[in-house]
Amino acid sequence: MYDPGLPRPQLATLEPTQEQKAMGKRRLSLMMAALFFLPGNACVYYGDEAGVTGMRDPYCRRTFPWGREDQTLTAHVQNVARVRASEEPLRGGDVRFIDAGRDVLCFVREKEGKKRIVLINRAPVAQNVILPLEDVVLTDVQSGEKVDAANVCAPAQWWRVLRVE
């Protein structure tokens, strides 16, 4: 953690700890899922996909790390963009939120009869969610795994998108 009493130029030279970086990457990954799967245009602020850090203004953003990008974050942003591009209901249509507990953001995106369920779990442990659905088949859009609506696992500090059939 930094001392806010330090002179501003010195604050600009400080780096977050490895623990702070790891937490920031986990939170950024969840935020990217919400950004790409909720309604609206996904707009990524320059450098977020590469792991650029910063402090308060005027040192809020450093130069882009050409050749030193965080490959894990970059791949994650590419992945959520691919999922959005491949699943029509994530690009438009209606949204309806489902109460899935304190740590899980859960919503349904629906367009022209096609439904996708998104679960984003901020908790450090997996959460089991019971979805209020009957007589449906749920399929994880990435793994192809069939999922039981009465016991959906929201992975720890991660997200998943389910196709409703």
C-alpha atoms as a PDB file:
ATOM      1  CA  MET A   1       0.000   0.000   0.000  1.00  0.00           C
ATOM      2  CA  TYR A   2       1.232   3.495  -0.673  1.00  0.00           C
ATOM      3  CA  ASP A   3       1.439   6.526   1.600  1.00  0.00           C
ATOM      4  CA  PRO A   4      -0.930   9.203   0.222  1.00  0.00           C
ATOM      5  CA  GLY A   5       1.269  11.814   1.933  1.00  0.00           C
ATOM      6  CA  LEU A   6       4.124  11.192  -0.506  1.00  0.00           C
ATOM      7  CA  PRO A   7       4.841  13.864  -3.127  1.00  0.00           C
ATOM      8  CA  ARG A   8       2.892  13.238  -6.352  1.00  0.00           C
ATOM      9  CA  PRO A   9       5.973  12.526  -8.528  1.00  0.00           C
ATOM     10  CA  GLN A  10       7.104   9.871  -6.049  1.00  0.00           C
ATOM     11  CA  LEU A  11       3.614   8.312  -5.983  1.00  0.00           C
ATOM     12  CA  ALA A  12       3.822   7.892  -9.754  1.00  0.00           C
ATOM     13  CA  THR A  13       6.867   5.628  -9.427  1.00  0.00           C
ATOM     14  CA  LEU A  14       5.240   3.181  -7.019  1.00  0.00           C
ATOM     15  CA  GLU A  15       4.188  -0.253  -8.180  1.00  0.00           C
ATOM     16  CA  PRO A  16       1.364  -2.306  -6.673  1.00  0.00           C
ATOM     17  CA  THR A  17       2.426  -5.404  -4.735  1.00  0.00           C
ATOM     18  CA  GLN A  18       2.116  -8.828  -6.381  1.00  0.00           C
ATOM     19  CA  GLU A  19      -0.921  -9.520  -4.180  1.00  0.00           C
ATOM     20  CA  GLN A  20      -2.547  -6.245  -5.248  1.00  0.00           C
ATOM     21  CA  LYS A  21      -1.803  -7.040  -8.905  1.00  0.00           C
ATOM     22  CA  ALA A  22      -3.307 -10.525  -8.602  1.00  0.00           C
ATOM     23  CA  MET A  23      -6.458  -9.157  -6.948  1.00  0.00           C
ATOM     24  CA  GLY A  24      -6.721  -6.427  -9.560  1.00  0.00           C
ATOM     25  CA  LYS A  25      -6.426  -8.964 -12.397  1.00  0.00           C
ATOM     26  CA  ARG A  26      -9.170 -11.142 -10.891  1.00  0.00           C
ATOM     27  CA  ARG A  27     -11.464  -8.146 -10.452  1.00  0.00           C
ATOM     28  CA  LEU A  28     -10.677  -6.830 -13.921  1.00  0.00           C
ATOM     29  CA  SER A  29     -11.480 -10.236 -15.440  1.00  0.00           C
ATOM     30  CA  LEU A  30     -14.905 -10.232 -13.752  1.00  0.00           C
ATOM     31  CA  MET A  31     -15.525  -6.638 -14.775  1.00  0.00           C
ATOM     32  CA  MET A  32     -14.683  -7.470 -18.392  1.00  0.00           C
ATOM     33  CA  ALA A  33     -17.240 -10.299 -18.342  1.00  0.00           C
ATOM     34  CA  ALA A  34     -19.902  -7.905 -17.015  1.00  0.00           C
ATOM     35  CA  LEU A  35     -18.894  -5.256 -19.558  1.00  0.00           C
ATOM     36  CA  PHE A  36     -19.136  -7.630 -22.518  1.00  0.00           C
ATOM     37  CA  PHE A  37     -22.240  -9.564 -21.435  1.00  0.00           C
ATOM     38  CA  LEU A  38     -24.513  -6.789 -20.111  1.00  0.00           C
ATOM     39  CA  PRO A  39     -26.447  -4.626 -22.607  1.00  0.00           C
ATOM     40  CA  GLY A  40     -24.611  -1.891 -24.449  1.00  0.00           C
ATOM     41  CA  ASN A  41     -21.393  -1.440 -26.344  1.00  0.00           C
ATOM     42  CA  ALA A  42     -18.291  -2.892 -24.717  1.00  0.00           C
ATOM     43  CA  CYS A  43     -15.738  -0.093 -24.479  1.00  0.00           C
ATOM     44  CA  VAL A  44     -12.337  -1.007 -23.038  1.00  0.00           C
ATOM     45  CA  TYR A  45     -10.206   1.864 -21.725  1.00  0.00           C
ATOM     46  CA  TYR A  46      -6.798   1.854 -23.377  1.00  0.00           C
ATOM     47  CA  GLY A  47      -4.365  -0.495 -21.666  1.00  0.00           C
ATOM     48  CA  ASP A  48      -6.842  -2.359 -19.435  1.00  0.00           C
ATOM     49  CA  GLU A  49      -6.610  -5.421 -21.666  1.00  0.00           C
ATOM     50  CA  ALA A  50      -2.805  -5.331 -21.329  1.00  0.00           C
ATOM     51  CA  GLY A  51      -2.655  -4.884 -17.540  1.00  0.00           C
ATOM     52  CA  VAL A  52      -1.616  -1.228 -17.471  1.00  0.00           C
ATOM     53  CA  THR A  53      -1.737   0.151 -13.932  1.00  0.00           C
ATOM     54  CA  GLY A  54      -1.702   3.679 -12.582  1.00  0.00           C
ATOM     55  CA  MET A  55      -2.374   5.875  -9.589  1.00  0.00           C
ATOM     56  CA  ARG A  56      -4.464   8.979  -9.084  1.00  0.00           C
ATOM     57  CA  ASP A  57      -4.451  11.839 -11.596  1.00  0.00           C
ATOM     58  CA  PRO A  58      -2.265  13.042 -13.148  1.00  0.00           C
ATOM     59  CA  TYR A  59      -0.486   9.656 -13.007  1.00  0.00           C
ATOM     60  CA  CYS A  60      -3.586   7.583 -13.629  1.00  0.00           C
ATOM     61  CA  ARG A  61      -2.335   5.886 -16.776  1.00  0.00           C
ATOM     62  CA  ARG A  62       1.111   4.852 -17.907  1.00  0.00           C
ATOM     63  CA  THR A  63       2.287   4.267 -21.442  1.00  0.00           C
ATOM     64  CA  PHE A  64       1.149   1.137 -23.246  1.00  0.00           C
ATOM     65  CA  PRO A  65       3.520  -1.779 -22.571  1.00  0.00           C
ATOM     66  CA  TRP A  66       4.228  -2.729 -26.189  1.00  0.00           C
ATOM     67  CA  GLY A  67       5.820  -6.184 -26.170  1.00  0.00           C
ATOM     68  CA  ARG A  68       5.242  -6.560 -22.413  1.00  0.00           C
ATOM     69  CA  GLU A  69       1.444  -6.919 -22.380  1.00  0.00           C
ATOM     70  CA  ASP A  70      -0.105  -9.188 -19.759  1.00  0.00           C
ATOM     71  CA  GLN A  71      -0.843 -12.151 -22.030  1.00  0.00           C
ATOM     72  CA  THR A  72      -3.333 -13.698 -19.578  1.00  0.00           C
ATOM     73  CA  LEU A  73      -5.485 -10.553 -19.441  1.00  0.00           C
ATOM     74  CA  THR A  74      -5.213 -10.002 -23.177  1.00  0.00           C
ATOM     75  CA  ALA A  75      -6.350 -13.590 -23.839  1.00  0.00           C
ATOM     76  CA  HIS A  76      -9.221 -13.160 -21.364  1.00  0.00           C
ATOM     77  CA  VAL A  77     -10.500 -10.014 -23.076  1.00  0.00           C
ATOM     78  CA  GLN A  78     -10.244 -11.759 -26.442  1.00  0.00           C
ATOM     79  CA  ASN A  79     -12.183 -14.718 -25.004  1.00  0.00           C
ATOM     80  CA  VAL A  80     -15.085 -12.660 -23.607  1.00  0.00           C
ATOM     81  CA  ALA A  81     -15.214 -10.758 -26.904  1.00  0.00           C
ATOM     82  CA  ARG A  82     -15.381 -14.084 -28.798  1.00  0.00           C
ATOM     83  CA  VAL A  83     -18.163 -15.380 -26.530  1.00  0.00           C
ATOM     84  CA  ARG A  84     -20.144 -12.168 -27.037  1.00  0.00           C
ATOM     85  CA  ALA A  85     -19.621 -12.315 -30.803  1.00  0.00           C
ATOM     86  CA  SER A  86     -20.701 -15.959 -31.030  1.00  0.00           C
ATOM     87  CA  GLU A  87     -23.821 -15.676 -28.832  1.00  0.00           C
ATOM     88  CA  GLU A  88     -26.458 -13.444 -30.424  1.00  0.00           C
ATOM     89  CA  PRO A  89     -28.464 -12.762 -27.213  1.00  0.00           C
ATOM     90  CA  LEU A  90     -25.332 -11.241 -25.622  1.00  0.00           C
ATOM     91  CA  ARG A  91     -25.162  -8.634 -28.376  1.00  0.00           C
ATOM     92  CA  GLY A  92     -28.704  -7.338 -28.039  1.00  0.00           C
ATOM     93  CA  GLY A  93     -32.140  -8.001 -26.746  1.00  0.00           C
ATOM     94  CA  ASP A  94     -33.565  -7.983 -23.262  1.00  0.00           C
ATOM     95  CA  VAL A  95     -31.938  -8.502 -19.886  1.00  0.00           C
ATOM     96  CA  ARG A  96     -33.566  -9.892 -16.746  1.00  0.00           C
ATOM     97  CA  PHE A  97     -31.737 -10.266 -13.443  1.00  0.00           C
ATOM     98  CA  ILE A  98     -32.026 -13.359 -11.251  1.00  0.00           C
ATOM     99  CA  ASP A  99     -31.355 -13.299  -7.507  1.00  0.00           C
ATOM    100  CA  ALA A 100     -28.444 -15.711  -7.094  1.00  0.00           C
ATOM    101  CA  GLY A 101     -27.190 -14.580  -3.704  1.00  0.00           C
ATOM    102  CA  ARG A 102     -24.841 -11.956  -2.420  1.00  0.00           C
ATOM    103  CA  ASP A 103     -21.740 -12.732  -4.467  1.00  0.00           C
ATOM    104  CA  VAL A 104     -23.134 -13.891  -7.799  1.00  0.00           C
ATOM    105  CA  LEU A 105     -24.419 -11.567 -10.490  1.00  0.00           C
ATOM    106  CA  CYS A 106     -26.853 -13.603 -12.565  1.00  0.00           C
ATOM    107  CA  PHE A 107     -28.893 -12.437 -15.522  1.00  0.00           C
ATOM    108  CA  VAL A 108     -30.683 -13.756 -18.584  1.00  0.00           C
ATOM    109  CA  ARG A 109     -30.132 -12.229 -22.007  1.00  0.00           C
ATOM    110  CA  GLU A 110     -32.892 -13.001 -24.508  1.00  0.00           C
ATOM    111  CA  LYS A 111     -33.281 -12.165 -28.169  1.00  0.00           C
ATOM    112  CA  GLU A 112     -35.782 -13.661 -30.619  1.00  0.00           C
ATOM    113  CA  GLY A 113     -36.473 -16.631 -28.355  1.00  0.00           C
ATOM    114  CA  LYS A 114     -32.798 -17.423 -27.774  1.00  0.00           C
ATOM    115  CA  LYS A 115     -31.691 -17.246 -24.124  1.00  0.00           C
ATOM    116  CA  ARG A 116     -28.309 -17.132 -22.431  1.00  0.00           C
ATOM    117  CA  ILE A 117     -27.746 -17.120 -18.682  1.00  0.00           C
ATOM    118  CA  VAL A 118     -24.672 -15.346 -17.343  1.00  0.00           C
ATOM    119  CA  LEU A 119     -23.236 -16.004 -13.892  1.00  0.00           C
ATOM    120  CA  ILE A 120     -20.402 -13.847 -12.524  1.00  0.00           C
ATOM    121  CA  ASN A 121     -19.105 -14.937  -9.116  1.00  0.00           C
ATOM    122  CA  ARG A 122     -16.962 -12.493  -7.134  1.00  0.00           C
ATOM    123  CA  ALA A 123     -16.581 -14.830  -4.121  1.00  0.00           C
ATOM    124  CA  PRO A 124     -13.261 -16.613  -3.499  1.00  0.00           C
ATOM    125  CA  VAL A 125     -15.147 -19.936  -3.454  1.00  0.00           C
ATOM    126  CA  ALA A 126     -17.465 -21.581  -5.959  1.00  0.00           C
ATOM    127  CA  GLN A 127     -21.169 -20.886  -5.423  1.00  0.00           C
ATOM    128  CA  ASN A 128     -24.039 -23.242  -6.205  1.00  0.00           C
ATOM    129  CA  VAL A 129     -26.999 -21.464  -7.748  1.00  0.00           C
ATOM    130  CA  ILE A 130     -30.507 -22.816  -8.200  1.00  0.00           C
ATOM    131  CA  LEU A 131     -32.019 -21.282 -11.309  1.00  0.00           C
ATOM    132  CA  PRO A 132     -35.809 -20.828 -11.462  1.00  0.00           C
ATOM    133  CA  LEU A 133     -36.129 -22.872 -14.642  1.00  0.00           C
ATOM    134  CA  GLU A 134     -37.936 -26.117 -15.379  1.00  0.00           C
ATOM    135  CA  ASP A 135     -37.829 -28.489 -18.329  1.00  0.00           C
ATOM    136  CA  VAL A 136     -34.816 -26.872 -19.974  1.00  0.00           C
ATOM    137  CA  VAL A 137     -31.402 -28.080 -21.020  1.00  0.00           C
ATOM    138  CA  LEU A 138     -28.517 -25.818 -20.067  1.00  0.00           C
ATOM    139  CA  THR A 139     -25.227 -26.032 -21.916  1.00  0.00           C
ATOM    140  CA  ASP A 140     -22.032 -24.179 -21.025  1.00  0.00           C
ATOM    141  CA  VAL A 141     -21.201 -22.218 -24.191  1.00  0.00           C
ATOM    142  CA  GLN A 142     -17.447 -22.681 -23.758  1.00  0.00           C
ATOM    143  CA  SER A 143     -17.070 -26.269 -22.559  1.00  0.00           C
ATOM    144  CA  GLY A 144     -20.230 -27.798 -24.055  1.00  0.00           C
ATOM    145  CA  GLU A 145     -20.958 -29.335 -20.619  1.00  0.00           C
ATOM    146  CA  LYS A 146     -24.622 -30.014 -19.813  1.00  0.00           C
ATOM    147  CA  VAL A 147     -25.648 -28.276 -16.588  1.00  0.00           C
ATOM    148  CA  ASP A 148     -28.472 -29.039 -14.141  1.00  0.00           C
ATOM    149  CA  ALA A 149     -30.596 -25.909 -13.518  1.00  0.00           C
ATOM    150  CA  ALA A 150     -31.241 -27.108  -9.960  1.00  0.00           C
ATOM    151  CA  ASN A 151     -27.511 -26.987  -9.168  1.00  0.00           C
ATOM    152  CA  VAL A 152     -25.439 -24.628 -11.310  1.00  0.00           C
ATOM    153  CA  CYS A 153     -21.878 -24.074 -10.172  1.00  0.00           C
ATOM    154  CA  ALA A 154     -20.597 -20.505 -10.468  1.00  0.00           C
ATOM    155  CA  PRO A 155     -16.803 -20.943 -10.361  1.00  0.00           C
ATOM    156  CA  ALA A 156     -14.805 -19.023  -7.750  1.00  0.00           C
ATOM    157  CA  GLN A 157     -14.007 -15.489  -8.944  1.00  0.00           C
ATOM    158  CA  TRP A 158     -14.996 -16.390 -12.476  1.00  0.00           C
ATOM    159  CA  TRP A 159     -17.925 -16.418 -14.889  1.00  0.00           C
ATOM    160  CA  ARG A 160     -19.822 -18.723 -17.158  1.00  0.00           C
ATOM    161  CA  VAL A 161     -22.435 -18.390 -19.878  1.00  0.00           C
ATOM    162  CA  LEU A 162     -25.143 -21.027 -20.313  1.00  0.00           C
ATOM    163  CA  ARG A 163     -27.259 -21.649 -23.406  1.00  0.00           C
ATOM    164  CA  VAL A 164     -30.916 -22.385 -22.607  1.00  0.00           C
ATOM    165  CA  GLU A 165     -32.463 -25.037 -24.889  1.00  0.00           C
END
